[in-house]
């Protein structure tokens, strides 16, 4: 069952995320962060246990990010990750967010959901705020991917003066 996360889910969400963070596959999230952001999470509950989680963070007027997608290894292969992302994509559509991005090691998973690989330089500065605390900051190997509800519409509507990229030092 896919549903919005509740306060009581945070310990299990934290456990799932920590398992993947310890493997270097996602950023650690503190319990405090998770309680503060619980409204951005959806979870998959099976037999009273959280077996998957994912969040949607609004980054700016034209972009949101799929974050902290984690599925318990015992529940993988059942489409839970796809269902979690699709639930959040519907939320992004409902909110009127024209683009959703993700930084991932699972390129083919996101391609199946309609995301395309993009250059890191094509993403706004706000996207990189978490990179400050990432141990892979200097040698990030995550793949930036983007889903556009209307392909090309956002780029065409952006003013020329708006910064569209940052350099490797994180400065505009």
N, C-alpha and C. Protein backbone atom coordinates (compact mmCIF):
# COMPACT_ATOMS: atom_id res chain seq x y z
N UNK A 1 0.83 -1.17 0.00
CA UNK A 1 0.00 0.00 0.00
C UNK A 1 0.88 1.25 0.00
N UNK A 2 0.72 2.09 -0.99
CA UNK A 2 1.44 3.36 -1.08
C UNK A 2 0.58 4.43 -0.39
N UNK A 3 1.19 5.18 0.51
CA UNK A 3 0.46 6.22 1.23
C UNK A 3 1.42 7.31 1.68
N UNK A 4 0.86 8.42 2.12
CA UNK A 4 1.67 9.50 2.69
C UNK A 4 2.30 9.01 3.99
N UNK A 5 3.52 9.45 4.24
CA UNK A 5 4.21 9.06 5.47
C UNK A 5 3.58 9.74 6.67
N UNK A 6 3.74 9.09 7.82
CA UNK A 6 3.27 9.62 9.09
C UNK A 6 4.46 9.70 10.05
N UNK A 7 4.29 10.47 11.10
CA UNK A 7 5.33 10.63 12.11
C UNK A 7 5.82 9.26 12.61
N UNK A 8 4.91 8.35 12.85
CA UNK A 8 5.26 7.03 13.38
C UNK A 8 6.14 6.23 12.40
N UNK A 9 6.16 6.61 11.12
CA UNK A 9 6.96 5.89 10.12
C UNK A 9 8.43 6.30 10.13
N UNK A 10 8.75 7.43 10.73
CA UNK A 10 10.10 7.99 10.62
C UNK A 10 11.20 7.01 11.06
N UNK A 11 11.08 6.29 12.18
CA UNK A 11 12.16 5.36 12.53
C UNK A 11 12.43 4.31 11.44
N UNK A 12 11.37 3.80 10.81
CA UNK A 12 11.57 2.81 9.75
C UNK A 12 12.13 3.44 8.48
N UNK A 13 11.69 4.67 8.16
CA UNK A 13 12.23 5.40 7.01
C UNK A 13 13.72 5.65 7.24
N UNK A 14 14.06 6.07 8.45
CA UNK A 14 15.46 6.34 8.80
C UNK A 14 16.30 5.08 8.64
N UNK A 15 15.79 3.97 9.08
CA UNK A 15 16.51 2.70 8.97
C UNK A 15 16.76 2.32 7.51
N UNK A 16 15.75 2.45 6.65
CA UNK A 16 15.90 2.15 5.23
C UNK A 16 16.95 3.04 4.58
N UNK A 17 16.84 4.35 4.81
CA UNK A 17 17.77 5.31 4.21
C UNK A 17 19.19 5.06 4.71
N UNK A 18 19.34 4.81 6.00
CA UNK A 18 20.66 4.59 6.58
C UNK A 18 21.33 3.36 5.98
N UNK A 19 20.54 2.31 5.72
CA UNK A 19 21.10 1.10 5.11
C UNK A 19 21.76 1.43 3.77
N UNK A 20 21.09 2.23 2.94
CA UNK A 20 21.65 2.60 1.63
C UNK A 20 22.75 3.64 1.76
N UNK A 21 22.63 4.55 2.70
CA UNK A 21 23.66 5.57 2.91
C UNK A 21 24.97 4.92 3.36
N UNK A 22 24.89 3.90 4.19
CA UNK A 22 26.10 3.19 4.63
C UNK A 22 26.81 2.51 3.48
N UNK A 23 26.09 2.22 2.42
CA UNK A 23 26.69 1.62 1.21
C UNK A 23 27.16 2.68 0.22
N UNK A 24 27.00 3.95 0.57
CA UNK A 24 27.40 5.05 -0.30
C UNK A 24 26.46 5.29 -1.46
N UNK A 25 25.22 4.84 -1.34
CA UNK A 25 24.26 4.95 -2.43
C UNK A 25 23.28 6.10 -2.28
N UNK A 26 23.26 6.75 -1.13
CA UNK A 26 22.44 7.95 -0.92
C UNK A 26 22.97 8.68 0.29
N UNK A 27 22.49 9.90 0.47
CA UNK A 27 22.90 10.71 1.61
C UNK A 27 22.22 10.23 2.88
N UNK A 28 22.97 10.31 3.98
CA UNK A 28 22.37 10.06 5.28
C UNK A 28 21.33 11.14 5.55
N UNK A 29 20.30 10.80 6.26
CA UNK A 29 19.29 11.75 6.73
C UNK A 29 19.16 11.52 8.23
N UNK A 30 19.21 12.59 8.99
CA UNK A 30 19.05 12.46 10.43
C UNK A 30 17.57 12.29 10.76
N UNK A 31 17.28 11.71 11.91
CA UNK A 31 15.88 11.64 12.31
C UNK A 31 15.23 13.02 12.35
N UNK A 32 15.96 14.02 12.80
CA UNK A 32 15.42 15.38 12.84
C UNK A 32 15.00 15.84 11.45
N UNK A 33 15.87 15.64 10.46
CA UNK A 33 15.54 16.02 9.07
C UNK A 33 14.28 15.29 8.61
N UNK A 34 14.21 14.01 8.93
CA UNK A 34 13.07 13.22 8.47
C UNK A 34 11.76 13.66 9.13
N UNK A 35 11.81 13.98 10.41
CA UNK A 35 10.60 14.50 11.06
C UNK A 35 10.19 15.82 10.42
N UNK A 36 11.18 16.69 10.13
CA UNK A 36 10.88 17.98 9.51
C UNK A 36 10.31 17.82 8.11
N UNK A 37 10.73 16.77 7.39
CA UNK A 37 10.35 16.59 6.00
C UNK A 37 9.32 15.48 5.79
N UNK A 38 8.75 14.95 6.85
CA UNK A 38 7.86 13.80 6.73
C UNK A 38 6.72 14.04 5.76
N UNK A 39 6.27 15.27 5.63
CA UNK A 39 5.15 15.57 4.72
C UNK A 39 5.54 15.41 3.25
N UNK A 40 6.83 15.37 2.94
CA UNK A 40 7.27 15.21 1.56
C UNK A 40 7.45 13.74 1.17
N UNK A 41 7.28 12.83 2.13
CA UNK A 41 7.52 11.40 1.90
C UNK A 41 6.24 10.63 1.61
N UNK A 42 6.39 9.63 0.75
CA UNK A 42 5.41 8.57 0.62
C UNK A 42 6.11 7.28 1.01
N UNK A 43 5.33 6.31 1.46
CA UNK A 43 5.89 5.03 1.88
C UNK A 43 5.06 3.90 1.29
N UNK A 44 5.69 2.75 1.25
CA UNK A 44 4.97 1.51 0.92
C UNK A 44 4.93 0.69 2.19
N UNK A 45 3.73 0.39 2.62
CA UNK A 45 3.54 -0.41 3.84
C UNK A 45 3.06 -1.80 3.44
N UNK A 46 3.71 -2.79 4.00
CA UNK A 46 3.31 -4.18 3.75
C UNK A 46 3.31 -4.92 5.08
N UNK A 47 2.18 -5.46 5.43
CA UNK A 47 2.03 -6.19 6.70
C UNK A 47 2.49 -5.38 7.90
N UNK A 48 2.15 -4.09 7.90
CA UNK A 48 2.48 -3.22 9.02
C UNK A 48 3.92 -2.73 9.06
N UNK A 49 4.68 -3.04 8.02
CA UNK A 49 6.10 -2.67 7.99
C UNK A 49 6.35 -1.78 6.78
N UNK A 50 7.18 -0.76 6.94
CA UNK A 50 7.55 0.12 5.83
C UNK A 50 8.64 -0.59 5.02
N UNK A 51 8.33 -0.89 3.75
CA UNK A 51 9.30 -1.58 2.89
C UNK A 51 9.83 -0.68 1.78
N UNK A 52 9.36 0.57 1.74
CA UNK A 52 9.87 1.50 0.75
C UNK A 52 9.50 2.92 1.13
N UNK A 53 10.36 3.85 0.68
CA UNK A 53 10.08 5.27 0.95
C UNK A 53 10.68 6.10 -0.17
N UNK A 54 10.18 7.31 -0.30
CA UNK A 54 10.66 8.24 -1.31
C UNK A 54 10.10 9.61 -0.97
N UNK A 55 10.84 10.67 -1.34
CA UNK A 55 10.32 12.02 -1.07
C UNK A 55 10.40 12.89 -2.31
N UNK A 56 9.60 13.94 -2.28
CA UNK A 56 9.58 14.94 -3.34
C UNK A 56 9.87 16.28 -2.69
N UNK A 57 10.98 16.89 -3.08
CA UNK A 57 11.32 18.21 -2.56
C UNK A 57 11.15 19.24 -3.67
N UNK A 58 10.39 20.29 -3.38
CA UNK A 58 10.23 21.38 -4.32
C UNK A 58 11.49 22.24 -4.22
N UNK A 59 12.19 22.43 -5.33
CA UNK A 59 13.44 23.17 -5.34
C UNK A 59 13.26 24.62 -5.74
N UNK A 60 12.35 24.85 -6.65
CA UNK A 60 12.13 26.19 -7.17
C UNK A 60 10.81 26.17 -7.91
N UNK A 61 10.43 27.29 -8.51
CA UNK A 61 9.12 27.37 -9.17
C UNK A 61 8.98 26.40 -10.34
N UNK A 62 10.10 25.96 -10.90
CA UNK A 62 10.02 25.10 -12.08
C UNK A 62 10.64 23.72 -11.90
N UNK A 63 11.00 23.35 -10.64
CA UNK A 63 11.66 22.06 -10.48
C UNK A 63 11.46 21.47 -9.09
N UNK A 64 11.29 20.15 -9.09
CA UNK A 64 11.25 19.37 -7.85
C UNK A 64 12.27 18.25 -7.99
N UNK A 65 12.59 17.60 -6.89
CA UNK A 65 13.56 16.51 -6.90
C UNK A 65 12.99 15.27 -6.22
N UNK A 66 13.17 14.13 -6.85
CA UNK A 66 12.88 12.84 -6.23
C UNK A 66 14.11 12.51 -5.38
N UNK A 67 13.88 12.26 -4.10
CA UNK A 67 14.98 12.03 -3.16
C UNK A 67 14.69 10.82 -2.28
N UNK A 68 15.76 10.27 -1.75
CA UNK A 68 15.67 9.24 -0.71
C UNK A 68 14.78 8.06 -1.10
N UNK A 69 14.90 7.62 -2.35
CA UNK A 69 14.16 6.44 -2.79
C UNK A 69 14.87 5.20 -2.26
N UNK A 70 14.20 4.47 -1.41
CA UNK A 70 14.79 3.26 -0.81
C UNK A 70 13.72 2.18 -0.70
N UNK A 71 14.08 0.98 -1.14
CA UNK A 71 13.19 -0.17 -1.03
C UNK A 71 13.95 -1.28 -0.32
N UNK A 72 13.33 -1.86 0.68
CA UNK A 72 13.94 -2.95 1.42
C UNK A 72 14.36 -4.05 0.44
N UNK A 73 15.58 -4.56 0.57
CA UNK A 73 16.04 -5.61 -0.36
C UNK A 73 15.11 -6.81 -0.45
N UNK A 74 14.41 -7.14 0.62
CA UNK A 74 13.50 -8.28 0.60
C UNK A 74 12.23 -8.01 -0.21
N UNK A 75 12.00 -6.74 -0.55
CA UNK A 75 10.79 -6.36 -1.28
C UNK A 75 11.11 -5.88 -2.70
N UNK A 76 12.36 -5.93 -3.10
CA UNK A 76 12.72 -5.44 -4.43
C UNK A 76 12.20 -6.37 -5.52
N UNK A 77 11.98 -5.79 -6.69
CA UNK A 77 11.50 -6.56 -7.82
C UNK A 77 9.98 -6.64 -7.91
N UNK A 78 9.29 -6.00 -6.99
CA UNK A 78 7.82 -6.05 -6.98
C UNK A 78 7.20 -4.75 -7.51
N UNK A 79 8.03 -3.83 -8.02
CA UNK A 79 7.52 -2.59 -8.57
C UNK A 79 7.27 -1.50 -7.54
N UNK A 80 7.73 -1.69 -6.32
CA UNK A 80 7.50 -0.72 -5.25
C UNK A 80 8.18 0.61 -5.56
N UNK A 81 9.43 0.57 -6.00
CA UNK A 81 10.13 1.81 -6.33
C UNK A 81 9.40 2.61 -7.40
N UNK A 82 8.94 1.94 -8.44
CA UNK A 82 8.19 2.61 -9.51
C UNK A 82 6.90 3.22 -8.98
N UNK A 83 6.20 2.48 -8.12
CA UNK A 83 4.95 3.00 -7.56
C UNK A 83 5.19 4.23 -6.69
N UNK A 84 6.26 4.21 -5.91
CA UNK A 84 6.58 5.35 -5.06
C UNK A 84 6.89 6.59 -5.91
N UNK A 85 7.74 6.41 -6.93
CA UNK A 85 8.09 7.54 -7.79
C UNK A 85 6.86 8.04 -8.54
N UNK A 86 6.06 7.14 -9.06
CA UNK A 86 4.86 7.55 -9.80
C UNK A 86 3.89 8.32 -8.91
N UNK A 87 3.77 7.93 -7.65
CA UNK A 87 2.89 8.67 -6.72
C UNK A 87 3.40 10.10 -6.55
N UNK A 88 4.70 10.25 -6.46
CA UNK A 88 5.27 11.59 -6.29
C UNK A 88 5.24 12.39 -7.59
N UNK A 89 5.33 11.72 -8.71
CA UNK A 89 5.21 12.42 -10.00
C UNK A 89 3.79 12.98 -10.14
N UNK A 90 2.81 12.23 -9.69
CA UNK A 90 1.42 12.73 -9.71
C UNK A 90 1.28 13.95 -8.80
N UNK A 91 1.96 13.90 -7.65
CA UNK A 91 1.94 15.06 -6.74
C UNK A 91 2.59 16.27 -7.41
N UNK A 92 3.72 16.06 -8.08
CA UNK A 92 4.39 17.16 -8.79
C UNK A 92 3.47 17.73 -9.87
N UNK A 93 2.82 16.86 -10.60
CA UNK A 93 1.88 17.31 -11.65
C UNK A 93 0.74 18.12 -11.02
N UNK A 94 0.19 17.62 -9.92
CA UNK A 94 -0.91 18.31 -9.23
C UNK A 94 -0.47 19.70 -8.76
N UNK A 95 0.77 19.81 -8.31
CA UNK A 95 1.30 21.09 -7.84
C UNK A 95 1.66 22.04 -8.98
N UNK A 96 1.75 21.52 -10.19
CA UNK A 96 2.10 22.34 -11.34
C UNK A 96 3.60 22.50 -11.54
N UNK A 97 4.38 21.59 -11.01
CA UNK A 97 5.83 21.62 -11.20
C UNK A 97 6.14 21.05 -12.58
N UNK A 98 6.77 21.82 -13.47
CA UNK A 98 6.98 21.34 -14.83
C UNK A 98 8.12 20.32 -15.01
N UNK A 99 9.07 20.26 -14.07
CA UNK A 99 10.20 19.34 -14.21
C UNK A 99 10.49 18.66 -12.87
N UNK A 100 10.92 17.42 -12.95
CA UNK A 100 11.34 16.69 -11.77
C UNK A 100 12.69 16.07 -12.09
N UNK A 101 13.65 16.27 -11.17
CA UNK A 101 14.98 15.72 -11.39
C UNK A 101 15.32 14.71 -10.31
N UNK A 102 16.35 13.94 -10.60
CA UNK A 102 16.87 12.99 -9.62
C UNK A 102 18.35 12.81 -9.86
N UNK A 103 19.09 12.64 -8.79
CA UNK A 103 20.49 12.24 -8.87
C UNK A 103 20.51 10.78 -8.45
N UNK A 104 21.04 9.91 -9.31
CA UNK A 104 20.85 8.48 -9.08
C UNK A 104 22.04 7.65 -9.57
N UNK A 105 22.09 6.43 -9.10
CA UNK A 105 22.99 5.40 -9.64
C UNK A 105 22.19 4.40 -10.46
N UNK A 106 20.90 4.56 -10.52
CA UNK A 106 19.98 3.63 -11.20
C UNK A 106 19.41 4.26 -12.47
N UNK A 107 20.26 4.51 -13.43
CA UNK A 107 19.86 5.19 -14.67
C UNK A 107 18.73 4.45 -15.37
N UNK A 108 18.86 3.16 -15.57
CA UNK A 108 17.84 2.43 -16.34
C UNK A 108 16.48 2.46 -15.64
N UNK A 109 16.46 2.42 -14.30
CA UNK A 109 15.21 2.51 -13.55
C UNK A 109 14.49 3.81 -13.89
N UNK A 110 15.20 4.93 -13.81
CA UNK A 110 14.57 6.22 -14.07
C UNK A 110 14.25 6.40 -15.56
N UNK A 111 15.04 5.83 -16.44
CA UNK A 111 14.72 5.90 -17.88
C UNK A 111 13.39 5.21 -18.15
N UNK A 112 13.14 4.09 -17.50
CA UNK A 112 11.86 3.39 -17.69
C UNK A 112 10.68 4.25 -17.25
N UNK A 113 10.93 5.21 -16.37
CA UNK A 113 9.87 6.10 -15.89
C UNK A 113 9.81 7.40 -16.69
N UNK A 114 10.62 7.50 -17.75
CA UNK A 114 10.55 8.67 -18.63
C UNK A 114 11.58 9.75 -18.36
N UNK A 115 12.50 9.52 -17.45
CA UNK A 115 13.55 10.49 -17.16
C UNK A 115 14.64 10.38 -18.22
N UNK A 116 15.32 11.49 -18.47
CA UNK A 116 16.45 11.54 -19.42
C UNK A 116 17.69 12.02 -18.68
N UNK A 117 18.84 11.50 -19.08
CA UNK A 117 20.12 11.95 -18.52
C UNK A 117 20.39 13.36 -19.01
N UNK A 118 20.83 14.23 -18.09
CA UNK A 118 21.19 15.61 -18.43
C UNK A 118 22.56 15.92 -17.82
N UNK A 119 23.14 17.01 -18.25
CA UNK A 119 24.40 17.48 -17.68
C UNK A 119 24.13 18.07 -16.30
N UNK A 120 25.04 17.84 -15.36
CA UNK A 120 24.90 18.44 -14.04
C UNK A 120 24.87 19.96 -14.14
N UNK A 121 25.56 20.49 -15.11
CA UNK A 121 25.62 21.95 -15.30
C UNK A 121 24.27 22.52 -15.74
N UNK A 122 23.38 21.67 -16.22
CA UNK A 122 22.07 22.14 -16.68
C UNK A 122 21.08 22.32 -15.54
N UNK A 123 21.47 21.89 -14.34
CA UNK A 123 20.55 21.96 -13.20
C UNK A 123 20.84 23.20 -12.36
N UNK A 124 19.82 23.80 -11.79
CA UNK A 124 20.00 25.03 -11.01
C UNK A 124 20.88 24.84 -9.77
N UNK A 125 21.41 25.94 -9.31
CA UNK A 125 22.28 25.95 -8.14
C UNK A 125 21.63 25.30 -6.92
N UNK A 126 20.36 25.52 -6.72
CA UNK A 126 19.66 24.99 -5.56
C UNK A 126 19.79 23.48 -5.45
N UNK A 127 19.89 22.80 -6.57
CA UNK A 127 19.99 21.35 -6.59
C UNK A 127 21.20 20.88 -5.79
N UNK A 128 22.25 21.64 -5.75
CA UNK A 128 23.52 21.18 -5.19
C UNK A 128 23.69 21.52 -3.72
N UNK A 129 22.68 22.01 -3.03
CA UNK A 129 22.84 22.36 -1.63
C UNK A 129 23.18 21.15 -0.77
N UNK A 130 22.66 19.99 -1.06
CA UNK A 130 23.00 18.79 -0.29
C UNK A 130 24.44 18.33 -0.54
N UNK A 131 25.01 18.73 -1.66
CA UNK A 131 26.35 18.27 -2.01
C UNK A 131 27.40 18.75 -1.01
N UNK A 132 27.12 19.83 -0.31
CA UNK A 132 28.07 20.38 0.65
C UNK A 132 28.40 19.35 1.72
N UNK A 133 27.43 18.53 2.12
CA UNK A 133 27.65 17.56 3.18
C UNK A 133 27.85 16.13 2.68
N UNK A 134 28.01 15.99 1.38
CA UNK A 134 28.20 14.66 0.80
C UNK A 134 29.68 14.28 0.80
N UNK A 135 30.01 13.07 1.24
CA UNK A 135 31.41 12.65 1.22
C UNK A 135 31.98 12.52 -0.19
N UNK A 136 31.13 12.43 -1.19
CA UNK A 136 31.59 12.31 -2.59
C UNK A 136 31.60 13.66 -3.30
N UNK A 137 31.51 14.73 -2.54
CA UNK A 137 31.36 16.07 -3.10
C UNK A 137 32.35 16.36 -4.23
N UNK A 138 33.62 16.09 -4.02
CA UNK A 138 34.64 16.43 -5.02
C UNK A 138 34.65 15.47 -6.21
N UNK A 139 34.10 14.28 -6.03
CA UNK A 139 34.13 13.30 -7.12
C UNK A 139 32.77 12.61 -7.25
N UNK A 140 31.74 13.41 -7.39
CA UNK A 140 30.38 12.89 -7.48
C UNK A 140 30.23 12.01 -8.72
N UNK A 141 29.66 10.85 -8.51
CA UNK A 141 29.45 9.94 -9.64
C UNK A 141 27.97 9.61 -9.85
N UNK A 142 27.09 10.40 -9.22
CA UNK A 142 25.67 10.21 -9.45
C UNK A 142 25.29 10.73 -10.84
N UNK A 143 24.26 10.14 -11.39
CA UNK A 143 23.80 10.50 -12.73
C UNK A 143 22.62 11.46 -12.58
N UNK A 144 22.73 12.68 -13.14
CA UNK A 144 21.61 13.61 -13.09
C UNK A 144 20.58 13.26 -14.16
N UNK A 145 19.33 13.16 -13.75
CA UNK A 145 18.26 12.80 -14.68
C UNK A 145 17.10 13.76 -14.50
N UNK A 146 16.38 13.99 -15.59
CA UNK A 146 15.31 14.98 -15.60
C UNK A 146 14.09 14.44 -16.32
N UNK A 147 12.93 14.71 -15.74
CA UNK A 147 11.65 14.41 -16.37
C UNK A 147 10.96 15.75 -16.60
N UNK A 148 10.51 15.98 -17.82
CA UNK A 148 9.79 17.21 -18.14
C UNK A 148 8.37 16.82 -18.53
N UNK A 149 7.38 17.39 -17.84
CA UNK A 149 5.99 17.10 -18.17
C UNK A 149 5.66 17.61 -19.57
N UNK A 150 6.26 18.74 -19.97
CA UNK A 150 6.15 19.27 -21.33
C UNK A 150 7.59 19.48 -21.81
N UNK A 151 8.14 18.54 -22.58
CA UNK A 151 9.54 18.63 -22.99
C UNK A 151 9.90 19.96 -23.64
N UNK A 152 10.97 20.59 -23.11
CA UNK A 152 11.49 21.82 -23.68
C UNK A 152 10.78 23.08 -23.26
N UNK A 153 9.62 22.98 -22.63
CA UNK A 153 8.84 24.17 -22.29
C UNK A 153 9.54 25.06 -21.27
N UNK A 154 10.20 24.47 -20.29
CA UNK A 154 10.84 25.27 -19.24
C UNK A 154 12.04 26.02 -19.80
N UNK A 155 12.88 25.34 -20.56
CA UNK A 155 14.06 26.00 -21.14
C UNK A 155 13.64 27.16 -22.04
N UNK A 156 12.60 26.97 -22.82
CA UNK A 156 12.14 28.01 -23.73
C UNK A 156 11.60 29.22 -22.97
N UNK A 157 11.04 28.99 -21.78
CA UNK A 157 10.44 30.08 -21.01
C UNK A 157 11.43 30.78 -20.08
N UNK A 158 12.62 30.23 -19.88
CA UNK A 158 13.60 30.82 -18.96
C UNK A 158 14.17 32.11 -19.53
N UNK A 159 14.26 33.15 -18.70
CA UNK A 159 14.92 34.38 -19.15
C UNK A 159 16.40 34.13 -19.40
N UNK A 160 16.96 34.83 -20.36
CA UNK A 160 18.37 34.66 -20.71
C UNK A 160 19.27 34.98 -19.53
N UNK A 161 18.91 35.94 -18.69
CA UNK A 161 19.76 36.39 -17.59
C UNK A 161 19.77 35.42 -16.42
N UNK A 162 18.84 34.45 -16.36
CA UNK A 162 18.79 33.53 -15.23
C UNK A 162 19.96 32.56 -15.31
N UNK A 163 20.74 32.42 -14.23
CA UNK A 163 21.86 31.47 -14.27
C UNK A 163 21.33 30.05 -14.42
N UNK A 164 21.89 29.31 -15.35
CA UNK A 164 21.42 27.95 -15.60
C UNK A 164 22.40 26.90 -15.14
N UNK A 165 23.59 27.32 -14.72
CA UNK A 165 24.59 26.33 -14.34
C UNK A 165 25.52 26.90 -13.29
N UNK A 166 26.24 25.98 -12.64
CA UNK A 166 27.28 26.38 -11.71
C UNK A 166 28.56 25.69 -12.14
N UNK A 167 29.68 26.23 -11.71
CA UNK A 167 30.94 25.56 -12.04
C UNK A 167 31.25 24.53 -10.96
N UNK A 168 32.35 23.84 -11.11
CA UNK A 168 32.68 22.74 -10.18
C UNK A 168 32.92 23.20 -8.76
N UNK A 169 33.24 24.45 -8.54
CA UNK A 169 33.47 24.92 -7.19
C UNK A 169 32.17 25.24 -6.47
N UNK A 170 31.04 25.16 -7.16
CA UNK A 170 29.74 25.44 -6.56
C UNK A 170 29.37 26.91 -6.62
N UNK A 171 30.17 27.72 -7.27
CA UNK A 171 29.89 29.14 -7.38
C UNK A 171 29.20 29.42 -8.71
N UNK A 172 28.29 30.40 -8.71
CA UNK A 172 27.63 30.78 -9.94
C UNK A 172 28.57 31.56 -10.83
